[in-house]
Structures are given as structure tokens and as C-alpha cells.
């Protein structure tokens, strides 16, 4: 089923919208949540909570890119669950991919800089469009979908060292690009 049709089901408040979403994107949502939570029960709960959030947001929202909309909700739900699961010590797997970007992305977002977050996101997207397709895919798998280096290597039929070097070089290019664009690192 096409994303537009699924969104129409949400707008019609048809419970089938959840079923169709799960059929089309369930595996992706589970993989994304599990990459952060590393716990089957938490992963299932996260995906179900994300589906409920989507149900509550559509309508009034009508996302242009349903897959990205859904993944963002799953990711945020999983990160919140990981944070709540252990306030003293976060799951290292949940934050490892984000920690690796610390030296590239400006830190300390506040309420005042929230508007700048969109501009930063746009700058990162613009940068990624200048990269080779494989490098862009590896970067997105690691830092958006939170895939492990091992999983990325398997998915793209590469060795782990190749993936690590690609990520390292892409991060360095991103850092230089953001500095050139006026972001203070």
C-alpha cells in the first residue's frame, strides 16, 4: 500500500492504518528501536507506543514523507525509553552513535537555539547530498538508524574497517563543512 493511502486511513480513523503501517514499516521500526533499546520487550512496546503517537498526530498532521515521520517518532520514543530506563547510566549502545558525532555538531541546544536546529539539520542534509551515495547511506544507517558498524558492514558487503574509515572521513568532512557554514564546533 502506498504511503498516501496509509495516511488517508489515519485520516479516516480506520484501525487498518496501524495494520498497514506495520506491514509496510514494522520491520524497519523494530530494527530502529532495537538498535537503541537492545531489548525485545522494550522494542515491541516502543513500536506500539510510536504507532499510538502516529495515530494521535494524524490528523491533524499530514506528513509529506510518512516513512521519515514514522522513523522520527520511533527513534524519539526509543531514546526516551532508554533515558527513562536508566537515568543514572544510559545504555551505551543507545548513545554510542550520537556520541561519535559530538565533535562535529554544535553542542548545548537550548530553547533559544531550537530554531537553529532546523537550519543545522538542513545544513547536514545539504552536506550529505554532496557525498557519494554509498558514503551517505553508511552515514545515515549509523547516525539515523543507529545501526552498528558490524550490521552496516554486513548490509553493504563491506569490512568493518572500511565502514569505520568511511564514517571517520565523512565526519571530518561534515565538521569542516559545518565550520565553513558558520557553525561553531
N, C-alpha and C. Protein backbone atom coordinates (compact mmCIF):
# COMPACT_ATOMS: atom_id res chain seq x y z
N UNK A 1 0.85 -1.17 0.00
CA UNK A 1 0.00 0.00 0.00
C UNK A 1 0.90 1.24 0.00
N UNK A 2 0.50 2.24 -0.72
CA UNK A 2 1.25 3.49 -0.81
C UNK A 2 1.10 4.30 0.48
N UNK A 3 2.12 5.09 0.78
CA UNK A 3 2.08 5.91 1.99
C UNK A 3 0.87 6.84 2.01
N UNK A 4 0.55 7.43 0.87
CA UNK A 4 -0.60 8.33 0.79
C UNK A 4 -1.88 7.62 1.22
N UNK A 5 -2.02 6.36 0.81
CA UNK A 5 -3.21 5.58 1.18
C UNK A 5 -3.23 5.28 2.68
N UNK A 6 -2.06 5.01 3.24
CA UNK A 6 -1.99 4.76 4.68
C UNK A 6 -2.38 6.02 5.45
N UNK A 7 -1.87 7.16 5.00
CA UNK A 7 -2.21 8.42 5.66
C UNK A 7 -3.72 8.68 5.54
N UNK A 8 -4.29 8.37 4.40
CA UNK A 8 -5.74 8.53 4.23
C UNK A 8 -6.51 7.66 5.23
N UNK A 9 -5.99 6.45 5.51
CA UNK A 9 -6.63 5.58 6.50
C UNK A 9 -6.57 6.21 7.90
N UNK A 10 -5.42 6.81 8.23
CA UNK A 10 -5.32 7.51 9.51
C UNK A 10 -6.34 8.63 9.58
N UNK A 11 -6.45 9.40 8.50
CA UNK A 11 -7.40 10.50 8.46
C UNK A 11 -8.84 10.00 8.60
N UNK A 12 -9.10 8.83 8.07
CA UNK A 12 -10.44 8.25 8.17
C UNK A 12 -10.66 7.57 9.52
N UNK A 13 -9.60 7.56 10.38
CA UNK A 13 -9.63 6.92 11.69
C UNK A 13 -9.91 5.42 11.59
N UNK A 14 -9.42 4.82 10.51
CA UNK A 14 -9.57 3.38 10.30
C UNK A 14 -8.43 2.66 10.99
N UNK A 15 -8.77 1.71 11.87
CA UNK A 15 -7.74 0.97 12.60
C UNK A 15 -6.81 0.21 11.66
N UNK A 16 -7.26 -0.03 10.47
CA UNK A 16 -6.44 -0.71 9.47
C UNK A 16 -5.17 0.09 9.16
N UNK A 17 -5.17 1.39 9.45
CA UNK A 17 -3.99 2.22 9.22
C UNK A 17 -2.79 1.68 9.99
N UNK A 18 -3.02 1.26 11.23
CA UNK A 18 -1.93 0.71 12.05
C UNK A 18 -1.44 -0.60 11.45
N UNK A 19 -2.36 -1.44 11.02
CA UNK A 19 -2.00 -2.73 10.42
C UNK A 19 -1.18 -2.52 9.16
N UNK A 20 -1.62 -1.61 8.31
CA UNK A 20 -0.90 -1.36 7.06
C UNK A 20 0.47 -0.73 7.32
N UNK A 21 0.53 0.12 8.33
CA UNK A 21 1.82 0.72 8.71
C UNK A 21 2.77 -0.38 9.17
N UNK A 22 2.25 -1.29 9.98
CA UNK A 22 3.09 -2.38 10.49
C UNK A 22 3.52 -3.33 9.38
N UNK A 23 2.65 -3.59 8.45
CA UNK A 23 3.01 -4.46 7.32
C UNK A 23 4.14 -3.83 6.50
N UNK A 24 4.02 -2.54 6.23
CA UNK A 24 4.99 -1.87 5.36
C UNK A 24 6.28 -1.49 6.10
N UNK A 25 6.15 -1.01 7.33
CA UNK A 25 7.30 -0.45 8.02
C UNK A 25 7.62 -1.12 9.37
N UNK A 26 6.90 -2.15 9.72
CA UNK A 26 7.11 -2.79 11.02
C UNK A 26 8.53 -3.27 11.25
N UNK A 27 9.11 -3.95 10.27
CA UNK A 27 10.48 -4.45 10.43
C UNK A 27 11.47 -3.30 10.60
N UNK A 28 11.31 -2.24 9.83
CA UNK A 28 12.18 -1.08 9.95
C UNK A 28 12.04 -0.45 11.33
N UNK A 29 10.81 -0.28 11.80
CA UNK A 29 10.58 0.32 13.11
C UNK A 29 11.18 -0.54 14.22
N UNK A 30 11.01 -1.84 14.13
CA UNK A 30 11.55 -2.75 15.15
C UNK A 30 13.08 -2.71 15.14
N UNK A 31 13.66 -2.68 13.97
CA UNK A 31 15.12 -2.64 13.88
C UNK A 31 15.65 -1.34 14.48
N UNK A 32 15.02 -0.23 14.14
CA UNK A 32 15.45 1.07 14.66
C UNK A 32 15.33 1.10 16.17
N UNK A 33 14.20 0.68 16.70
CA UNK A 33 14.00 0.68 18.15
C UNK A 33 14.97 -0.28 18.84
N UNK A 34 15.18 -1.45 18.26
CA UNK A 34 16.06 -2.43 18.88
C UNK A 34 17.51 -1.99 18.86
N UNK A 35 17.90 -1.22 17.84
CA UNK A 35 19.26 -0.69 17.79
C UNK A 35 19.53 0.24 18.97
N UNK A 36 18.50 0.85 19.49
CA UNK A 36 18.65 1.77 20.61
C UNK A 36 18.41 1.06 21.94
N UNK A 37 17.40 0.21 21.99
CA UNK A 37 16.98 -0.39 23.26
C UNK A 37 17.63 -1.74 23.57
N UNK A 38 17.96 -2.50 22.55
CA UNK A 38 18.57 -3.83 22.74
C UNK A 38 17.78 -4.72 23.68
N UNK A 39 16.46 -4.67 23.56
CA UNK A 39 15.61 -5.47 24.43
C UNK A 39 14.31 -5.72 23.67
N UNK A 40 14.01 -7.00 23.40
CA UNK A 40 12.85 -7.34 22.60
C UNK A 40 11.54 -6.81 23.14
N UNK A 41 11.33 -6.93 24.45
CA UNK A 41 10.08 -6.46 25.04
C UNK A 41 9.97 -4.94 24.95
N UNK A 42 11.06 -4.24 25.28
CA UNK A 42 11.06 -2.78 25.16
C UNK A 42 10.87 -2.34 23.71
N UNK A 43 11.46 -3.09 22.79
CA UNK A 43 11.33 -2.76 21.37
C UNK A 43 9.87 -2.85 20.94
N UNK A 44 9.20 -3.93 21.31
CA UNK A 44 7.78 -4.08 20.95
C UNK A 44 6.93 -2.97 21.57
N UNK A 45 7.21 -2.66 22.83
CA UNK A 45 6.47 -1.59 23.50
C UNK A 45 6.72 -0.25 22.83
N UNK A 46 7.96 0.00 22.46
CA UNK A 46 8.33 1.25 21.80
C UNK A 46 7.58 1.40 20.47
N UNK A 47 7.60 0.35 19.66
CA UNK A 47 6.94 0.43 18.36
C UNK A 47 5.44 0.64 18.54
N UNK A 48 4.84 -0.06 19.50
CA UNK A 48 3.41 0.14 19.75
C UNK A 48 3.12 1.56 20.23
N UNK A 49 3.98 2.09 21.10
CA UNK A 49 3.81 3.48 21.56
C UNK A 49 3.95 4.45 20.40
N UNK A 50 4.89 4.16 19.52
CA UNK A 50 5.08 5.03 18.35
C UNK A 50 3.86 5.00 17.44
N UNK A 51 3.29 3.82 17.23
CA UNK A 51 2.08 3.72 16.41
C UNK A 51 0.94 4.53 17.04
N UNK A 52 0.84 4.48 18.37
CA UNK A 52 -0.19 5.27 19.06
C UNK A 52 0.06 6.76 18.86
N UNK A 53 1.31 7.16 18.93
CA UNK A 53 1.66 8.57 18.71
C UNK A 53 1.27 9.00 17.30
N UNK A 54 1.58 8.16 16.32
CA UNK A 54 1.21 8.47 14.94
C UNK A 54 -0.31 8.59 14.84
N UNK A 55 -1.03 7.67 15.47
CA UNK A 55 -2.49 7.69 15.46
C UNK A 55 -3.00 9.02 16.03
N UNK A 56 -2.36 9.50 17.07
CA UNK A 56 -2.79 10.74 17.71
C UNK A 56 -2.37 11.99 16.93
N UNK A 57 -1.34 11.88 16.10
CA UNK A 57 -0.86 13.04 15.34
C UNK A 57 -1.53 13.19 13.97
N UNK A 58 -2.01 12.07 13.42
CA UNK A 58 -2.66 12.12 12.10
C UNK A 58 -4.12 11.78 12.30
N UNK A 59 -5.07 12.64 12.02
CA UNK A 59 -4.89 14.08 11.83
C UNK A 59 -4.56 14.76 13.15
N UNK A 60 -4.13 15.97 13.15
CA UNK A 60 -4.19 16.99 12.11
C UNK A 60 -2.99 16.98 11.17
N UNK A 61 -1.89 16.33 11.56
CA UNK A 61 -0.72 16.30 10.68
C UNK A 61 -1.03 15.52 9.40
N UNK A 62 -0.39 15.91 8.33
CA UNK A 62 -0.43 15.15 7.08
C UNK A 62 1.01 15.16 6.56
N UNK A 63 1.82 14.20 7.07
CA UNK A 63 3.24 14.21 6.71
C UNK A 63 3.48 14.00 5.23
N UNK A 64 4.45 14.73 4.72
CA UNK A 64 4.82 14.60 3.31
C UNK A 64 5.61 13.32 3.10
N UNK A 65 6.49 13.01 4.03
CA UNK A 65 7.32 11.80 3.96
C UNK A 65 6.97 10.92 5.15
N UNK A 66 6.02 10.03 4.96
CA UNK A 66 5.49 9.21 6.04
C UNK A 66 6.57 8.34 6.68
N UNK A 67 7.43 7.75 5.87
CA UNK A 67 8.48 6.88 6.41
C UNK A 67 9.39 7.65 7.36
N UNK A 68 9.83 8.83 6.96
CA UNK A 68 10.69 9.65 7.81
C UNK A 68 9.94 10.11 9.06
N UNK A 69 8.69 10.48 8.90
CA UNK A 69 7.83 10.90 10.01
C UNK A 69 7.73 9.77 11.04
N UNK A 70 7.46 8.57 10.56
CA UNK A 70 7.31 7.41 11.42
C UNK A 70 8.63 7.07 12.11
N UNK A 71 9.72 7.06 11.35
CA UNK A 71 11.03 6.73 11.93
C UNK A 71 11.44 7.74 12.99
N UNK A 72 11.15 8.99 12.77
CA UNK A 72 11.49 10.02 13.76
C UNK A 72 10.74 9.76 15.06
N UNK A 73 9.48 9.39 14.95
CA UNK A 73 8.68 9.11 16.15
C UNK A 73 9.21 7.87 16.86
N UNK A 74 9.52 6.82 16.11
CA UNK A 74 10.07 5.60 16.72
C UNK A 74 11.39 5.90 17.42
N UNK A 75 12.24 6.62 16.74
CA UNK A 75 13.56 6.95 17.30
C UNK A 75 13.43 7.76 18.57
N UNK A 76 12.60 8.80 18.56
CA UNK A 76 12.41 9.63 19.75
C UNK A 76 11.79 8.83 20.89
N UNK A 77 10.85 7.96 20.57
CA UNK A 77 10.23 7.12 21.58
C UNK A 77 11.25 6.19 22.20
N UNK A 78 12.09 5.58 21.36
CA UNK A 78 13.12 4.66 21.86
C UNK A 78 14.14 5.40 22.72
N UNK A 79 14.56 6.58 22.28
CA UNK A 79 15.53 7.35 23.07
C UNK A 79 14.95 7.76 24.42
N UNK A 80 13.68 8.14 24.43
CA UNK A 80 13.03 8.49 25.69
C UNK A 80 12.93 7.28 26.61
N UNK A 81 12.63 6.12 26.02
CA UNK A 81 12.55 4.90 26.82
C UNK A 81 13.92 4.54 27.39
N UNK A 82 14.95 4.66 26.59
CA UNK A 82 16.30 4.36 27.06
C UNK A 82 16.70 5.32 28.18
N UNK A 83 16.35 6.56 28.02
CA UNK A 83 16.66 7.57 29.04
C UNK A 83 15.91 7.27 30.33
N UNK A 84 14.65 6.94 30.21
CA UNK A 84 13.83 6.66 31.39
C UNK A 84 14.21 5.33 32.05
N UNK A 85 14.69 4.40 31.25
CA UNK A 85 15.04 3.08 31.76
C UNK A 85 16.17 3.19 32.79
N UNK A 86 17.07 4.08 32.53
CA UNK A 86 18.20 4.20 33.44
C UNK A 86 18.69 5.63 33.46
N UNK A 87 18.19 6.40 34.38
CA UNK A 87 18.56 7.82 34.43
C UNK A 87 20.02 8.01 34.84
N UNK A 88 20.56 7.15 35.67
CA UNK A 88 21.94 7.30 36.10
C UNK A 88 22.92 6.92 35.01
N UNK A 89 22.63 5.79 34.35
CA UNK A 89 23.58 5.30 33.35
C UNK A 89 22.81 4.87 32.12
N UNK A 90 22.96 5.60 31.06
CA UNK A 90 22.29 5.26 29.81
C UNK A 90 22.91 4.01 29.22
N UNK A 91 22.11 3.33 28.42
CA UNK A 91 22.59 2.17 27.67
C UNK A 91 23.65 2.67 26.69
N UNK A 92 24.90 2.20 26.81
CA UNK A 92 25.95 2.70 25.93
C UNK A 92 25.62 2.50 24.45
N UNK A 93 24.91 1.44 24.13
CA UNK A 93 24.55 1.19 22.73
C UNK A 93 23.58 2.22 22.20
N UNK A 94 22.76 2.77 23.09
CA UNK A 94 21.75 3.73 22.66
C UNK A 94 22.35 5.06 22.27
N UNK A 95 23.47 5.42 22.89
CA UNK A 95 24.02 6.74 22.63
C UNK A 95 25.35 6.72 21.90
N UNK A 96 25.90 5.55 21.65
CA UNK A 96 27.23 5.46 21.06
C UNK A 96 27.31 6.17 19.72
N UNK A 97 26.32 5.98 18.86
CA UNK A 97 26.39 6.60 17.54
C UNK A 97 26.26 8.12 17.63
N UNK A 98 25.52 8.61 18.63
CA UNK A 98 25.38 10.05 18.78
C UNK A 98 26.63 10.66 19.40
N UNK A 99 27.22 9.94 20.36
CA UNK A 99 28.44 10.41 20.99
C UNK A 99 29.55 10.59 19.96
N UNK A 100 29.56 9.76 18.95
CA UNK A 100 30.59 9.84 17.92
C UNK A 100 30.49 11.12 17.12
N UNK A 101 29.33 11.74 17.10
CA UNK A 101 29.14 12.99 16.36
C UNK A 101 29.38 14.24 17.20
N UNK A 102 29.68 14.06 18.48
CA UNK A 102 29.84 15.21 19.38
C UNK A 102 30.83 16.24 18.87
N UNK A 103 31.95 15.77 18.29
CA UNK A 103 32.97 16.71 17.87
C UNK A 103 32.65 17.38 16.53
N UNK A 104 31.54 16.99 15.90
CA UNK A 104 31.16 17.58 14.61
C UNK A 104 30.00 18.56 14.74
N UNK A 105 29.11 18.33 15.66
CA UNK A 105 27.87 19.08 15.74
C UNK A 105 27.93 20.05 16.91
N UNK A 106 27.49 21.27 16.72
CA UNK A 106 27.48 22.23 17.82
C UNK A 106 26.70 21.67 19.01
N UNK A 107 27.16 22.01 20.20
CA UNK A 107 26.55 21.42 21.39
C UNK A 107 25.59 22.39 22.06
N UNK A 108 24.95 21.89 23.10
CA UNK A 108 24.12 22.65 24.02
C UNK A 108 22.97 23.39 23.34
N UNK A 109 22.04 22.62 22.76
CA UNK A 109 20.84 23.23 22.23
C UNK A 109 19.99 23.72 23.39
N UNK A 110 19.49 24.94 23.28
CA UNK A 110 18.60 25.50 24.28
C UNK A 110 17.31 25.86 23.57
N UNK A 111 16.36 26.34 24.34
CA UNK A 111 15.09 26.75 23.75
C UNK A 111 15.33 27.84 22.71
N UNK A 112 16.26 28.75 23.03
CA UNK A 112 16.56 29.86 22.12
C UNK A 112 17.17 29.38 20.81
N UNK A 113 17.89 28.28 20.85
CA UNK A 113 18.57 27.81 19.63
C UNK A 113 17.78 26.72 18.90
N UNK A 114 16.58 26.43 19.37
CA UNK A 114 15.78 25.38 18.74
C UNK A 114 15.51 25.69 17.27
N UNK A 115 15.31 26.95 16.95
CA UNK A 115 15.09 27.35 15.56
C UNK A 115 16.32 27.02 14.72
N UNK A 116 17.50 27.21 15.31
CA UNK A 116 18.73 26.90 14.61
C UNK A 116 18.88 25.40 14.34
N UNK A 117 18.18 24.58 15.11
CA UNK A 117 18.27 23.13 14.92
C UNK A 117 17.80 22.74 13.52
N UNK A 118 16.74 23.38 13.05
CA UNK A 118 16.26 23.08 11.70
C UNK A 118 17.30 23.49 10.66
N UNK A 119 17.90 24.65 10.86
CA UNK A 119 18.94 25.11 9.93
C UNK A 119 20.12 24.15 9.95
N UNK A 120 20.48 23.67 11.12
CA UNK A 120 21.57 22.70 11.23
C UNK A 120 21.20 21.41 10.50
N UNK A 121 19.98 20.95 10.71
CA UNK A 121 19.52 19.75 10.01
C UNK A 121 19.56 19.92 8.51
N UNK A 122 19.14 21.08 8.05
CA UNK A 122 19.19 21.38 6.62
C UNK A 122 20.63 21.40 6.11
N UNK A 123 21.55 21.96 6.91
CA UNK A 123 22.95 22.01 6.51
C UNK A 123 23.54 20.60 6.42
N UNK A 124 23.20 19.76 7.38
CA UNK A 124 23.69 18.37 7.34
C UNK A 124 23.12 17.65 6.12
N UNK A 125 21.85 17.87 5.84
CA UNK A 125 21.24 17.25 4.65
C UNK A 125 21.92 17.74 3.38
N UNK A 126 22.16 19.04 3.30
CA UNK A 126 22.85 19.59 2.13
C UNK A 126 24.23 18.97 1.98
N UNK A 127 24.95 18.84 3.08
CA UNK A 127 26.27 18.21 3.05
C UNK A 127 26.17 16.78 2.52
N UNK A 128 25.23 16.02 3.07
CA UNK A 128 25.11 14.61 2.67
C UNK A 128 24.80 14.46 1.18
N UNK A 129 24.10 15.42 0.61
CA UNK A 129 23.80 15.37 -0.82
C UNK A 129 25.05 15.54 -1.68
N UNK A 130 26.11 16.07 -1.09
CA UNK A 130 27.36 16.24 -1.84
C UNK A 130 28.25 15.01 -1.76
N UNK A 131 27.87 14.05 -0.95
CA UNK A 131 28.69 12.85 -0.74
C UNK A 131 28.29 11.73 -1.69
N UNK A 132 29.21 10.79 -1.90
CA UNK A 132 28.91 9.61 -2.71
C UNK A 132 27.73 8.88 -2.07
N UNK A 133 26.92 8.24 -2.90
CA UNK A 133 25.72 7.57 -2.42
C UNK A 133 26.04 6.54 -1.32
N UNK A 134 27.08 5.75 -1.51
CA UNK A 134 27.43 4.73 -0.52
C UNK A 134 27.82 5.38 0.81
N UNK A 135 28.61 6.43 0.76
CA UNK A 135 29.04 7.11 1.98
C UNK A 135 27.83 7.72 2.70
N UNK A 136 26.93 8.30 1.93
CA UNK A 136 25.71 8.87 2.50
C UNK A 136 24.87 7.80 3.17
N UNK A 137 24.72 6.66 2.51
CA UNK A 137 23.92 5.57 3.08
C UNK A 137 24.54 5.03 4.35
N UNK A 138 25.85 4.86 4.36
CA UNK A 138 26.55 4.38 5.55
C UNK A 138 26.35 5.36 6.70
N UNK A 139 26.51 6.64 6.42
CA UNK A 139 26.35 7.69 7.44
C UNK A 139 24.93 7.67 8.02
N UNK A 140 23.94 7.61 7.16
CA UNK A 140 22.55 7.61 7.61
C UNK A 140 22.23 6.34 8.41
N UNK A 141 22.73 5.21 7.95
CA UNK A 141 22.49 3.96 8.69
C UNK A 141 23.06 4.05 10.11
N UNK A 142 24.23 4.63 10.22
CA UNK A 142 24.88 4.71 11.53
C UNK A 142 24.24 5.76 12.43
N UNK A 143 24.06 6.96 11.90
CA UNK A 143 23.66 8.07 12.77
C UNK A 143 22.16 8.37 12.77
N UNK A 144 21.40 7.82 11.85
CA UNK A 144 19.95 7.99 11.90
C UNK A 144 19.29 6.72 12.38
N UNK A 145 19.65 5.58 11.77
CA UNK A 145 19.04 4.31 12.15
C UNK A 145 19.76 3.61 13.28
N UNK A 146 20.91 4.18 13.71
CA UNK A 146 21.69 3.65 14.84
C UNK A 146 22.18 2.22 14.61
N UNK A 147 22.39 1.86 13.35
CA UNK A 147 22.92 0.53 13.05
C UNK A 147 24.36 0.43 13.55
N UNK A 148 24.74 -0.75 13.97
CA UNK A 148 26.12 -0.97 14.40
C UNK A 148 27.03 -1.02 13.18
N UNK A 149 28.31 -0.81 13.40
CA UNK A 149 29.29 -0.90 12.31
C UNK A 149 29.24 -2.31 11.71
N UNK A 150 29.12 -3.28 12.57
CA UNK A 150 29.05 -4.68 12.12
C UNK A 150 27.85 -4.90 11.19
N UNK A 151 26.70 -4.37 11.58
CA UNK A 151 25.48 -4.52 10.76
C UNK A 151 25.62 -3.79 9.43
N UNK A 152 26.19 -2.60 9.45
CA UNK A 152 26.38 -1.84 8.21
C UNK A 152 27.31 -2.59 7.28
N UNK A 153 28.40 -3.11 7.82
CA UNK A 153 29.35 -3.87 7.01
C UNK A 153 28.64 -5.05 6.35
N UNK A 154 27.82 -5.73 7.11
CA UNK A 154 27.07 -6.88 6.58
C UNK A 154 26.09 -6.44 5.49
N UNK A 155 25.34 -5.38 5.77
CA UNK A 155 24.32 -4.90 4.83
C UNK A 155 24.90 -4.45 3.49
N UNK A 156 26.10 -3.86 3.53
CA UNK A 156 26.70 -3.32 2.31
C UNK A 156 27.84 -4.18 1.78
N UNK A 157 28.00 -5.37 2.37
CA UNK A 157 29.04 -6.30 1.95
C UNK A 157 30.43 -5.64 1.97
N UNK A 158 30.72 -5.00 3.11
CA UNK A 158 32.00 -4.33 3.32
C UNK A 158 32.64 -4.91 4.57
N UNK A 159 33.90 -4.58 4.79
CA UNK A 159 34.54 -4.98 6.03
C UNK A 159 34.28 -3.89 7.07
N UNK A 160 34.37 -4.25 8.34
CA UNK A 160 34.16 -3.28 9.40
C UNK A 160 35.18 -2.14 9.33
N UNK A 161 36.47 -2.44 9.07
CA UNK A 161 37.41 -1.32 8.95
C UNK A 161 37.05 -0.32 7.84
N UNK A 162 36.52 -0.82 6.73
CA UNK A 162 36.11 0.08 5.64
C UNK A 162 34.97 0.98 6.11
N UNK A 163 34.03 0.42 6.83
CA UNK A 163 32.90 1.21 7.34
C UNK A 163 33.41 2.25 8.33
N UNK A 164 34.31 1.84 9.23
CA UNK A 164 34.84 2.77 10.23
C UNK A 164 35.60 3.93 9.56
N UNK A 165 36.41 3.62 8.57
CA UNK A 165 37.17 4.67 7.87
C UNK A 165 36.22 5.60 7.12
N UNK A 166 35.22 5.03 6.47
CA UNK A 166 34.24 5.84 5.75
C UNK A 166 33.53 6.79 6.70
N UNK A 167 33.10 6.29 7.84
CA UNK A 167 32.43 7.13 8.84
C UNK A 167 33.37 8.21 9.36
N UNK A 168 34.58 7.84 9.65
CA UNK A 168 35.58 8.80 10.16
C UNK A 168 35.81 9.92 9.16
N UNK A 169 36.02 9.57 7.92
CA UNK A 169 36.28 10.58 6.89
C UNK A 169 35.05 11.45 6.64
N UNK A 170 33.89 10.83 6.63
CA UNK A 170 32.66 11.60 6.39
C UNK A 170 32.41 12.56 7.55
N UNK A 171 32.65 12.11 8.79
CA UNK A 171 32.51 13.00 9.94
C UNK A 171 33.47 14.18 9.84
N UNK A 172 34.70 13.93 9.44
CA UNK A 172 35.67 15.03 9.31
C UNK A 172 35.24 16.01 8.23
N UNK A 173 34.74 15.50 7.12
CA UNK A 173 34.24 16.39 6.06
C UNK A 173 33.05 17.20 6.56
N UNK A 174 32.15 16.54 7.31
CA UNK A 174 30.99 17.23 7.87
C UNK A 174 31.43 18.35 8.81
N UNK A 175 32.40 18.06 9.65
CA UNK A 175 32.89 19.07 10.59
C UNK A 175 33.41 20.29 9.83
N UNK A 176 34.23 20.05 8.81
CA UNK A 176 34.77 21.17 8.02
C UNK A 176 33.65 21.93 7.31
N UNK A 177 32.68 21.20 6.77
CA UNK A 177 31.56 21.82 6.08
C UNK A 177 30.77 22.72 7.03
N UNK A 178 30.47 22.20 8.23
CA UNK A 178 29.70 22.98 9.19
C UNK A 178 30.46 24.22 9.67
N UNK A 179 31.77 24.06 9.85
CA UNK A 179 32.57 25.22 10.23
C UNK A 179 32.53 26.28 9.13
N UNK A 180 32.63 25.83 7.90
CA UNK A 180 32.58 26.75 6.74
C UNK A 180 31.21 27.46 6.68
N UNK A 181 30.16 26.74 7.09
CA UNK A 181 28.81 27.31 7.09
C UNK A 181 28.55 28.22 8.29
N UNK A 182 29.54 28.34 9.17
CA UNK A 182 29.41 29.27 10.29
C UNK A 182 28.99 28.65 11.60
N UNK A 183 28.96 27.33 11.68
CA UNK A 183 28.62 26.67 12.94
C UNK A 183 29.87 26.54 13.79
N UNK A 184 29.77 26.91 15.05
CA UNK A 184 30.88 26.81 15.98
C UNK A 184 30.89 25.43 16.59
N UNK A 185 32.01 24.76 16.46
CA UNK A 185 32.11 23.39 16.96
C UNK A 185 32.83 23.40 18.30
